Amino acid sequence: MTALWIAHVTVTDPEAYGRYAKAAGPAIAAHGGTFLARGGRYRQMEGTDRARNVVARFPSFDAAVACYESAEYQAALAHAEGAAERDLVIVEETPPAQE
């Protein structure tokens, strides 16, 4: 089953976070990840409001975890440290209901 990265982000240093985003994209793609949402319009209904919301789909839960733990992504993530407040969760997708 596919899996999603769901990230909610408040950017505090746009220049440093831009370096993260530039390096993270190729690392995510290398693990089969594709972006479904990246910023864009949103409406906070509950919880902590973070102005940047990102959703990426991976071919499997294991691929999503492997991407996060990869040297390439961790190198990118170093740019985000101190440049953003982030929450990121990996969620396995539910298969469509059979009719």
PDB file of N, CA and C in Angstrom:
ATOM      1  N   MET A   1       0.839  -1.191   0.000  1.00  0.00           N
ATOM      2  CA  MET A   1       0.000   0.000   0.000  1.00  0.00           C
ATOM      3  C   MET A   1       0.878   1.246   0.000  1.00  0.00           C
ATOM      4  N   THR A   2       0.374   2.280  -0.613  1.00  0.00           N
ATOM      5  CA  THR A   2       1.096   3.537  -0.662  1.00  0.00           C
ATOM      6  C   THR A   2       1.070   4.211   0.710  1.00  0.00           C
ATOM      7  N   ALA A   3       1.922   5.205   0.866  1.00  0.00           N
ATOM      8  CA  ALA A   3       1.989   5.946   2.121  1.00  0.00           C
ATOM      9  C   ALA A   3       2.173   7.423   1.817  1.00  0.00           C
ATOM     10  N   LEU A   4       1.789   8.236   2.774  1.00  0.00           N
ATOM     11  CA  LEU A   4       1.871   9.683   2.628  1.00  0.00           C
ATOM     12  C   LEU A   4       2.787  10.285   3.678  1.00  0.00           C
ATOM     13  N   TRP A   5       3.574  11.266   3.255  1.00  0.00           N
ATOM     14  CA  TRP A   5       4.217  12.180   4.194  1.00  0.00           C
ATOM     15  C   TRP A   5       3.269  13.350   4.309  1.00  0.00           C
ATOM     16  N   ILE A   6       2.933  13.736   5.509  1.00  0.00           N
ATOM     17  CA  ILE A   6       2.097  14.910   5.732  1.00  0.00           C
ATOM     18  C   ILE A   6       2.889  15.838   6.646  1.00  0.00           C
ATOM     19  N   ALA A   7       3.246  17.002   6.135  1.00  0.00           N
ATOM     20  CA  ALA A   7       4.058  17.950   6.885  1.00  0.00           C
ATOM     21  C   ALA A   7       3.315  19.271   7.039  1.00  0.00           C
ATOM     22  N   HIS A   8       3.406  19.819   8.232  1.00  0.00           N
ATOM     23  CA  HIS A   8       2.863  21.150   8.530  1.00  0.00           C
ATOM     24  C   HIS A   8       4.043  21.979   9.012  1.00  0.00           C
ATOM     25  N   VAL A   9       4.270  23.122   8.374  1.00  0.00           N
ATOM     26  CA  VAL A   9       5.516  23.857   8.572  1.00  0.00           C
ATOM     27  C   VAL A   9       5.254  25.349   8.769  1.00  0.00           C
ATOM     28  N   THR A  10       5.980  25.932   9.721  1.00  0.00           N
ATOM     29  CA  THR A  10       6.081  27.378   9.840  1.00  0.00           C
ATOM     30  C   THR A  10       7.534  27.719   9.545  1.00  0.00           C
ATOM     31  N   VAL A  11       7.756  28.418   8.457  1.00  0.00           N
ATOM     32  CA  VAL A  11       9.116  28.785   8.044  1.00  0.00           C
ATOM     33  C   VAL A  11       9.543  30.033   8.810  1.00  0.00           C
ATOM     34  N   THR A  12      10.719  29.955   9.446  1.00  0.00           N
ATOM     35  CA  THR A  12      11.251  31.098  10.194  1.00  0.00           C
ATOM     36  C   THR A  12      12.474  31.710   9.518  1.00  0.00           C
ATOM     37  N   ASP A  13      13.100  30.979   8.608  1.00  0.00           N
ATOM     38  CA  ASP A  13      14.250  31.473   7.843  1.00  0.00           C
ATOM     39  C   ASP A  13      14.067  31.018   6.395  1.00  0.00           C
ATOM     40  N   PRO A  14      13.416  31.852   5.577  1.00  0.00           N
ATOM     41  CA  PRO A  14      13.098  31.438   4.204  1.00  0.00           C
ATOM     42  C   PRO A  14      14.320  31.054   3.362  1.00  0.00           C
ATOM     43  N   GLU A  15      15.437  31.725   3.544  1.00  0.00           N
ATOM     44  CA  GLU A  15      16.625  31.418   2.746  1.00  0.00           C
ATOM     45  C   GLU A  15      17.140  30.008   3.062  1.00  0.00           C
ATOM     46  N   ALA A  16      17.297  29.697   4.336  1.00  0.00           N
ATOM     47  CA  ALA A  16      17.776  28.367   4.730  1.00  0.00           C
ATOM     48  C   ALA A  16      16.753  27.293   4.365  1.00  0.00           C
ATOM     49  N   TYR A  17      15.474  27.604   4.549  1.00  0.00           N
ATOM     50  CA  TYR A  17      14.448  26.610   4.226  1.00  0.00           C
ATOM     51  C   TYR A  17      14.388  26.370   2.722  1.00  0.00           C
ATOM     52  N   GLY A  18      14.688  27.379   1.947  1.00  0.00           N
ATOM     53  CA  GLY A  18      14.758  27.213   0.497  1.00  0.00           C
ATOM     54  C   GLY A  18      15.848  26.226   0.102  1.00  0.00           C
ATOM     55  N   ARG A  19      16.978  26.269   0.813  1.00  0.00           N
ATOM     56  CA  ARG A  19      18.045  25.295   0.555  1.00  0.00           C
ATOM     57  C   ARG A  19      17.573  23.883   0.902  1.00  0.00           C
ATOM     58  N   TYR A  20      16.820  23.755   1.991  1.00  0.00           N
ATOM     59  CA  TYR A  20      16.251  22.446   2.348  1.00  0.00           C
ATOM     60  C   TYR A  20      15.348  21.947   1.219  1.00  0.00           C
ATOM     61  N   ALA A  21      14.419  22.783   0.788  1.00  0.00           N
ATOM     62  CA  ALA A  21      13.444  22.376  -0.222  1.00  0.00           C
ATOM     63  C   ALA A  21      14.126  21.974  -1.525  1.00  0.00           C
ATOM     64  N   LYS A  22      15.159  22.710  -1.907  1.00  0.00           N
ATOM     65  CA  LYS A  22      15.880  22.410  -3.150  1.00  0.00           C
ATOM     66  C   LYS A  22      16.555  21.045  -3.074  1.00  0.00           C
ATOM     67  N   ALA A  23      17.121  20.705  -1.927  1.00  0.00           N
ATOM     68  CA  ALA A  23      17.807  19.425  -1.772  1.00  0.00           C
ATOM     69  C   ALA A  23      16.842  18.279  -1.457  1.00  0.00           C
ATOM     70  N   ALA A  24      15.736  18.575  -0.788  1.00  0.00           N
ATOM     71  CA  ALA A  24      14.787  17.524  -0.395  1.00  0.00           C
ATOM     72  C   ALA A  24      14.039  16.954  -1.596  1.00  0.00           C
ATOM     73  N   GLY A  25      13.701  17.791  -2.560  1.00  0.00           N
ATOM     74  CA  GLY A  25      12.934  17.329  -3.724  1.00  0.00           C
ATOM     75  C   GLY A  25      13.574  16.141  -4.432  1.00  0.00           C
ATOM     76  N   PRO A  26      14.843  16.221  -4.801  1.00  0.00           N
ATOM     77  CA  PRO A  26      15.492  15.079  -5.453  1.00  0.00           C
ATOM     78  C   PRO A  26      15.566  13.835  -4.558  1.00  0.00           C
ATOM     79  N   ALA A  27      15.769  14.026  -3.260  1.00  0.00           N
ATOM     80  CA  ALA A  27      15.820  12.873  -2.341  1.00  0.00           C
ATOM     81  C   ALA A  27      14.469  12.177  -2.284  1.00  0.00           C
ATOM     82  N   ILE A  28      13.411  12.965  -2.259  1.00  0.00           N
ATOM     83  CA  ILE A  28      12.054  12.399  -2.226  1.00  0.00           C
ATOM     84  C   ILE A  28      11.765  11.671  -3.537  1.00  0.00           C
ATOM     85  N   ALA A  29      12.092  12.290  -4.662  1.00  0.00           N
ATOM     86  CA  ALA A  29      11.865  11.659  -5.969  1.00  0.00           C
ATOM     87  C   ALA A  29      12.657  10.363  -6.108  1.00  0.00           C
ATOM     88  N   ALA A  30      13.874  10.328  -5.567  1.00  0.00           N
ATOM     89  CA  ALA A  30      14.718   9.138  -5.667  1.00  0.00           C
ATOM     90  C   ALA A  30      14.113   7.932  -4.945  1.00  0.00           C
ATOM     91  N   HIS A  31      13.211   8.198  -4.012  1.00  0.00           N
ATOM     92  CA  HIS A  31      12.541   7.109  -3.280  1.00  0.00           C
ATOM     93  C   HIS A  31      11.111   6.888  -3.776  1.00  0.00           C
ATOM     94  N   GLY A  32      10.802   7.418  -4.953  1.00  0.00           N
ATOM     95  CA  GLY A  32       9.493   7.206  -5.556  1.00  0.00           C
ATOM     96  C   GLY A  32       8.428   8.160  -5.065  1.00  0.00           C
ATOM     97  N   GLY A  33       8.814   9.194  -4.323  1.00  0.00           N
ATOM     98  CA  GLY A  33       7.842  10.143  -3.796  1.00  0.00           C
ATOM     99  C   GLY A  33       7.410  11.157  -4.834  1.00  0.00           C
ATOM    100  N   THR A  34       6.140  11.509  -4.797  1.00  0.00           N
ATOM    101  CA  THR A  34       5.592  12.557  -5.656  1.00  0.00           C
ATOM    102  C   THR A  34       4.764  13.497  -4.788  1.00  0.00           C
ATOM    103  N   PHE A  35       4.843  14.780  -5.088  1.00  0.00           N
ATOM    104  CA  PHE A  35       4.107  15.768  -4.300  1.00  0.00           C
ATOM    105  C   PHE A  35       2.651  15.832  -4.746  1.00  0.00           C
ATOM    106  N   LEU A  36       1.754  15.794  -3.781  1.00  0.00           N
ATOM    107  CA  LEU A  36       0.317  15.969  -4.033  1.00  0.00           C
ATOM    108  C   LEU A  36      -0.117  17.377  -3.665  1.00  0.00           C
ATOM    109  N   ALA A  37       0.531  17.952  -2.663  1.00  0.00           N
ATOM    110  CA  ALA A  37       0.253  19.328  -2.235  1.00  0.00           C
ATOM    111  C   ALA A  37       1.550  19.919  -1.717  1.00  0.00           C
ATOM    112  N   ARG A  38       1.763  21.166  -2.056  1.00  0.00           N
ATOM    113  CA  ARG A  38       2.992  21.860  -1.656  1.00  0.00           C
ATOM    114  C   ARG A  38       2.652  23.323  -1.466  1.00  0.00           C
ATOM    115  N   GLY A  39       2.411  23.704  -0.237  1.00  0.00           N
ATOM    116  CA  GLY A  39       1.962  25.076  -0.010  1.00  0.00           C
ATOM    117  C   GLY A  39       0.532  25.189  -0.502  1.00  0.00           C
ATOM    118  N   GLY A  40       0.221  26.269  -1.124  1.00  0.00           N
ATOM    119  CA  GLY A  40      -1.112  26.435  -1.706  1.00  0.00           C
ATOM    120  C   GLY A  40      -2.172  26.810  -0.676  1.00  0.00           C
ATOM    121  N   ARG A  41      -3.338  26.936  -1.171  1.00  0.00           N
ATOM    122  CA  ARG A  41      -4.478  27.374  -0.373  1.00  0.00           C
ATOM    123  C   ARG A  41      -4.844  26.323   0.662  1.00  0.00           C
ATOM    124  N   TYR A  42      -5.185  26.778   1.860  1.00  0.00           N
ATOM    125  CA  TYR A  42      -5.608  25.863   2.924  1.00  0.00           C
ATOM    126  C   TYR A  42      -6.509  26.615   3.894  1.00  0.00           C
ATOM    127  N   ARG A  43      -7.176  25.865   4.723  1.00  0.00           N
ATOM    128  CA  ARG A  43      -7.991  26.432   5.801  1.00  0.00           C
ATOM    129  C   ARG A  43      -7.787  25.566   7.028  1.00  0.00           C
ATOM    130  N   GLN A  44      -7.249  26.135   8.084  1.00  0.00           N
ATOM    131  CA  GLN A  44      -6.995  25.400   9.324  1.00  0.00           C
ATOM    132  C   GLN A  44      -8.317  25.193  10.043  1.00  0.00           C
ATOM    133  N   MET A  45      -8.691  23.949  10.244  1.00  0.00           N
ATOM    134  CA  MET A  45      -9.958  23.636  10.888  1.00  0.00           C
ATOM    135  C   MET A  45      -9.774  23.288  12.373  1.00  0.00           C
ATOM    136  N   GLU A  46      -8.667  22.655  12.707  1.00  0.00           N
ATOM    137  CA  GLU A  46      -8.370  22.293  14.093  1.00  0.00           C
ATOM    138  C   GLU A  46      -6.864  22.285  14.278  1.00  0.00           C
ATOM    139  N   GLY A  47      -6.423  22.365  15.510  1.00  0.00           N
ATOM    140  CA  GLY A  47      -5.006  22.220  15.817  1.00  0.00           C
ATOM    141  C   GLY A  47      -4.175  23.450  15.508  1.00  0.00           C
ATOM    142  N   THR A  48      -2.878  23.246  15.468  1.00  0.00           N
ATOM    143  CA  THR A  48      -1.915  24.322  15.277  1.00  0.00           C
ATOM    144  C   THR A  48      -1.860  24.747  13.816  1.00  0.00           C
ATOM    145  N   ASP A  49      -2.020  26.040  13.605  1.00  0.00           N
ATOM    146  CA  ASP A  49      -1.958  26.581  12.250  1.00  0.00           C
ATOM    147  C   ASP A  49      -0.503  26.727  11.823  1.00  0.00           C
ATOM    148  N   ARG A  50      -0.160  26.127  10.700  1.00  0.00           N
ATOM    149  CA  ARG A  50       1.160  26.286  10.099  1.00  0.00           C
ATOM    150  C   ARG A  50       0.909  26.647   8.642  1.00  0.00           C
ATOM    151  N   ALA A  51       1.552  27.702   8.198  1.00  0.00           N
ATOM    152  CA  ALA A  51       1.230  28.287   6.890  1.00  0.00           C
ATOM    153  C   ALA A  51       1.635  27.438   5.694  1.00  0.00           C
ATOM    154  N   ARG A  52       2.549  26.484   5.875  1.00  0.00           N
ATOM    155  CA  ARG A  52       2.974  25.651   4.746  1.00  0.00           C
ATOM    156  C   ARG A  52       2.581  24.220   5.039  1.00  0.00           C
ATOM    157  N   ASN A  53       1.867  23.615   4.120  1.00  0.00           N
ATOM    158  CA  ASN A  53       1.397  22.236   4.262  1.00  0.00           C
ATOM    159  C   ASN A  53       1.830  21.462   3.031  1.00  0.00           C
ATOM    160  N   VAL A  54       2.447  20.298   3.257  1.00  0.00           N
ATOM    161  CA  VAL A  54       2.994  19.505   2.165  1.00  0.00           C
ATOM    162  C   VAL A  54       2.539  18.063   2.322  1.00  0.00           C
ATOM    163  N   VAL A  55       2.108  17.474   1.214  1.00  0.00           N
ATOM    164  CA  VAL A  55       1.741  16.057   1.189  1.00  0.00           C
ATOM    165  C   VAL A  55       2.482  15.413   0.016  1.00  0.00           C
ATOM    166  N   ALA A  56       3.176  14.320   0.313  1.00  0.00           N
ATOM    167  CA  ALA A  56       3.867  13.555  -0.732  1.00  0.00           C
ATOM    168  C   ALA A  56       3.455  12.101  -0.623  1.00  0.00           C
ATOM    169  N   ARG A  57       3.261  11.452  -1.764  1.00  0.00           N
ATOM    170  CA  ARG A  57       2.882  10.028  -1.797  1.00  0.00           C
ATOM    171  C   ARG A  57       4.107   9.207  -2.185  1.00  0.00           C
ATOM    172  N   PHE A  58       4.278   8.084  -1.486  1.00  0.00           N
ATOM    173  CA  PHE A  58       5.354   7.134  -1.754  1.00  0.00           C
ATOM    174  C   PHE A  58       4.746   5.792  -2.131  1.00  0.00           C
ATOM    175  N   PRO A  59       5.493   4.955  -2.842  1.00  0.00           N
ATOM    176  CA  PRO A  59       4.942   3.669  -3.281  1.00  0.00           C
ATOM    177  C   PRO A  59       4.643   2.709  -2.132  1.00  0.00           C
ATOM    178  N   SER A  60       5.259   2.931  -0.965  1.00  0.00           N
ATOM    179  CA  SER A  60       5.004   2.066   0.194  1.00  0.00           C
ATOM    180  C   SER A  60       5.401   2.803   1.466  1.00  0.00           C
ATOM    181  N   PHE A  61       4.933   2.288   2.589  1.00  0.00           N
ATOM    182  CA  PHE A  61       5.314   2.836   3.889  1.00  0.00           C
ATOM    183  C   PHE A  61       6.826   2.724   4.075  1.00  0.00           C
ATOM    184  N   ASP A  62       7.373   1.559   3.717  1.00  0.00           N
ATOM    185  CA  ASP A  62       8.811   1.348   3.868  1.00  0.00           C
ATOM    186  C   ASP A  62       9.625   2.318   3.023  1.00  0.00           C
ATOM    187  N   ALA A  63       9.157   2.628   1.821  1.00  0.00           N
ATOM    188  CA  ALA A  63       9.856   3.585   0.961  1.00  0.00           C
ATOM    189  C   ALA A  63       9.828   4.984   1.577  1.00  0.00           C
ATOM    190  N   ALA A  64       8.712   5.347   2.191  1.00  0.00           N
ATOM    191  CA  ALA A  64       8.592   6.656   2.834  1.00  0.00           C
ATOM    192  C   ALA A  64       9.552   6.773   4.012  1.00  0.00           C
ATOM    193  N   VAL A  65       9.627   5.724   4.825  1.00  0.00           N
ATOM    194  CA  VAL A  65      10.548   5.722   5.968  1.00  0.00           C
ATOM    195  C   VAL A  65      11.995   5.729   5.478  1.00  0.00           C
ATOM    196  N   ALA A  66      12.285   4.917   4.464  1.00  0.00           N
ATOM    197  CA  ALA A  66      13.643   4.853   3.920  1.00  0.00           C
ATOM    198  C   ALA A  66      14.079   6.213   3.385  1.00  0.00           C
ATOM    199  N   CYS A  67      13.178   6.928   2.765  1.00  0.00           N
ATOM    200  CA  CYS A  67      13.503   8.262   2.261  1.00  0.00           C
ATOM    201  C   CYS A  67      13.883   9.173   3.419  1.00  0.00           C
ATOM    202  N   TYR A  68      13.047   9.198   4.441  1.00  0.00           N
ATOM    203  CA  TYR A  68      13.322  10.076   5.584  1.00  0.00           C
ATOM    204  C   TYR A  68      14.666   9.747   6.216  1.00  0.00           C
ATOM    205  N   GLU A  69      14.985   8.476   6.310  1.00  0.00           N
ATOM    206  CA  GLU A  69      16.215   8.038   6.971  1.00  0.00           C
ATOM    207  C   GLU A  69      17.444   8.081   6.054  1.00  0.00           C
ATOM    208  N   SER A  70      17.253   8.352   4.761  1.00  0.00           N
ATOM    209  CA  SER A  70      18.364   8.333   3.810  1.00  0.00           C
ATOM    210  C   SER A  70      19.355   9.457   4.079  1.00  0.00           C
ATOM    211  N   ALA A  71      20.600   9.213   3.705  1.00  0.00           N
ATOM    212  CA  ALA A  71      21.649  10.227   3.862  1.00  0.00           C
ATOM    213  C   ALA A  71      21.315  11.490   3.080  1.00  0.00           C
ATOM    214  N   GLU A  72      20.732  11.331   1.888  1.00  0.00           N
ATOM    215  CA  GLU A  72      20.394  12.484   1.045  1.00  0.00           C
ATOM    216  C   GLU A  72      19.340  13.370   1.719  1.00  0.00           C
ATOM    217  N   TYR A  73      18.293  12.740   2.255  1.00  0.00           N
ATOM    218  CA  TYR A  73      17.250  13.540   2.888  1.00  0.00           C
ATOM    219  C   TYR A  73      17.756  14.150   4.190  1.00  0.00           C
ATOM    220  N   GLN A  74      18.524  13.402   4.961  1.00  0.00           N
ATOM    221  CA  GLN A  74      19.050  13.937   6.215  1.00  0.00           C
ATOM    222  C   GLN A  74      19.970  15.128   5.955  1.00  0.00           C
ATOM    223  N   ALA A  75      20.734  15.089   4.862  1.00  0.00           N
ATOM    224  CA  ALA A  75      21.576  16.227   4.492  1.00  0.00           C
ATOM    225  C   ALA A  75      20.707  17.446   4.167  1.00  0.00           C
ATOM    226  N   ALA A  76      19.619  17.217   3.453  1.00  0.00           N
ATOM    227  CA  ALA A  76      18.687  18.309   3.149  1.00  0.00           C
ATOM    228  C   ALA A  76      18.057  18.839   4.429  1.00  0.00           C
ATOM    229  N   LEU A  77      17.650  17.927   5.298  1.00  0.00           N
ATOM    230  CA  LEU A  77      16.965  18.295   6.532  1.00  0.00           C
ATOM    231  C   LEU A  77      17.837  19.174   7.424  1.00  0.00           C
ATOM    232  N   ALA A  78      19.135  19.030   7.334  1.00  0.00           N
ATOM    233  CA  ALA A  78      20.038  19.861   8.135  1.00  0.00           C
ATOM    234  C   ALA A  78      19.806  21.350   7.857  1.00  0.00           C
ATOM    235  N   HIS A  79      19.405  21.694   6.631  1.00  0.00           N
ATOM    236  CA  HIS A  79      19.122  23.096   6.291  1.00  0.00           C
ATOM    237  C   HIS A  79      17.849  23.601   6.972  1.00  0.00           C
ATOM    238  N   ALA A  80      16.928  22.704   7.287  1.00  0.00           N
ATOM    239  CA  ALA A  80      15.663  23.101   7.907  1.00  0.00           C
ATOM    240  C   ALA A  80      15.800  23.316   9.412  1.00  0.00           C
ATOM    241  N   GLU A  81      16.839  22.737  10.015  1.00  0.00           N
ATOM    242  CA  GLU A  81      17.037  22.892  11.452  1.00  0.00           C
ATOM    243  C   GLU A  81      17.257  24.358  11.784  1.00  0.00           C
ATOM    244  N   GLY A  82      16.436  24.880  12.667  1.00  0.00           N
ATOM    245  CA  GLY A  82      16.516  26.285  13.030  1.00  0.00           C
ATOM    246  C   GLY A  82      15.885  27.220  12.017  1.00  0.00           C
ATOM    247  N   ALA A  83      15.415  26.685  10.905  1.00  0.00           N
ATOM    248  CA  ALA A  83      14.809  27.501   9.850  1.00  0.00           C
ATOM    249  C   ALA A  83      13.299  27.317   9.771  1.00  0.00           C
ATOM    250  N   ALA A  84      12.772  26.388  10.589  1.00  0.00           N
ATOM    251  CA  ALA A  84      11.336  26.118  10.531  1.00  0.00           C
ATOM    252  C   ALA A  84      10.894  25.332  11.761  1.00  0.00           C
ATOM    253  N   GLU A  85       9.626  25.479  12.075  1.00  0.00           N
ATOM    254  CA  GLU A  85       8.964  24.605  13.047  1.00  0.00           C
ATOM    255  C   GLU A  85       8.160  23.638  12.203  1.00  0.00           C
ATOM    256  N   ARG A  86       8.384  22.335  12.405  1.00  0.00           N
ATOM    257  CA  ARG A  86       7.783  21.337  11.515  1.00  0.00           C
ATOM    258  C   ARG A  86       7.152  20.204  12.307  1.00  0.00           C
ATOM    259  N   ASP A  87       6.089  19.693  11.753  1.00  0.00           N
ATOM    260  CA  ASP A  87       5.499  18.428  12.186  1.00  0.00           C
ATOM    261  C   ASP A  87       5.423  17.579  10.930  1.00  0.00           C
ATOM    262  N   LEU A  88       5.897  16.340  10.997  1.00  0.00           N
ATOM    263  CA  LEU A  88       5.840  15.447   9.845  1.00  0.00           C
ATOM    264  C   LEU A  88       5.422  14.074  10.331  1.00  0.00           C
ATOM    265  N   VAL A  89       4.454  13.502   9.655  1.00  0.00           N
ATOM    266  CA  VAL A  89       3.984  12.159   9.980  1.00  0.00           C
ATOM    267  C   VAL A  89       3.945  11.344   8.691  1.00  0.00           C
ATOM    268  N   ILE A  90       4.252  10.060   8.813  1.00  0.00           N
ATOM    269  CA  ILE A  90       4.125   9.136   7.687  1.00  0.00           C
ATOM    270  C   ILE A  90       2.913   8.261   7.973  1.00  0.00           C
ATOM    271  N   VAL A  91       1.987   8.210   7.016  1.00  0.00           N
ATOM    272  CA  VAL A  91       0.728   7.500   7.191  1.00  0.00           C
ATOM    273  C   VAL A  91       0.530   6.527   6.023  1.00  0.00           C
ATOM    274  N   GLU A  92       0.271   5.281   6.326  1.00  0.00           N
ATOM    275  CA  GLU A  92      -0.050   4.323   5.281  1.00  0.00           C
ATOM    276  C   GLU A  92      -1.468   4.593   4.800  1.00  0.00           C
ATOM    277  N   GLU A  93      -1.648   4.624   3.479  1.00  0.00           N
ATOM    278  CA  GLU A  93      -2.974   4.894   2.928  1.00  0.00           C
ATOM    279  C   GLU A  93      -3.883   3.689   3.090  1.00  0.00           C
ATOM    280  N   THR A  94      -5.151   3.961   3.220  1.00  0.00           N
ATOM    281  CA  THR A  94      -6.169   2.929   3.302  1.00  0.00           C
ATOM    282  C   THR A  94      -6.555   2.514   1.881  1.00  0.00           C
ATOM    283  N   PRO A  95      -6.601   1.217   1.603  1.00  0.00           N
ATOM    284  CA  PRO A  95      -7.001   0.823   0.247  1.00  0.00           C
ATOM    285  C   PRO A  95      -8.449   1.218  -0.019  1.00  0.00           C
ATOM    286  N   PRO A  96      -8.783   1.457  -1.289  1.00  0.00           N
ATOM    287  CA  PRO A  96     -10.164   1.787  -1.625  1.00  0.00           C
ATOM    288  C   PRO A  96     -11.108   0.655  -1.221  1.00  0.00           C
ATOM    289  N   ALA A  97     -12.309   1.040  -0.844  1.00  0.00           N
ATOM    290  CA  ALA A  97     -13.312   0.057  -0.475  1.00  0.00           C
ATOM    291  C   ALA A  97     -13.703  -0.771  -1.694  1.00  0.00           C
ATOM    292  N   GLN A  98     -13.843  -2.063  -1.506  1.00  0.00           N
ATOM    293  CA  GLN A  98     -14.288  -2.968  -2.574  1.00  0.00           C
ATOM    294  C   GLN A  98     -15.810  -2.937  -2.639  1.00  0.00           C
ATOM    295  N   GLU A  99     -16.345  -2.795  -3.840  1.00  0.00           N
ATOM    296  CA  GLU A  99     -17.807  -2.803  -3.991  1.00  0.00           C
ATOM    297  C   GLU A  99     -18.264  -4.117  -4.565  1.00  0.00           C
TER     298      GLU A  99
END
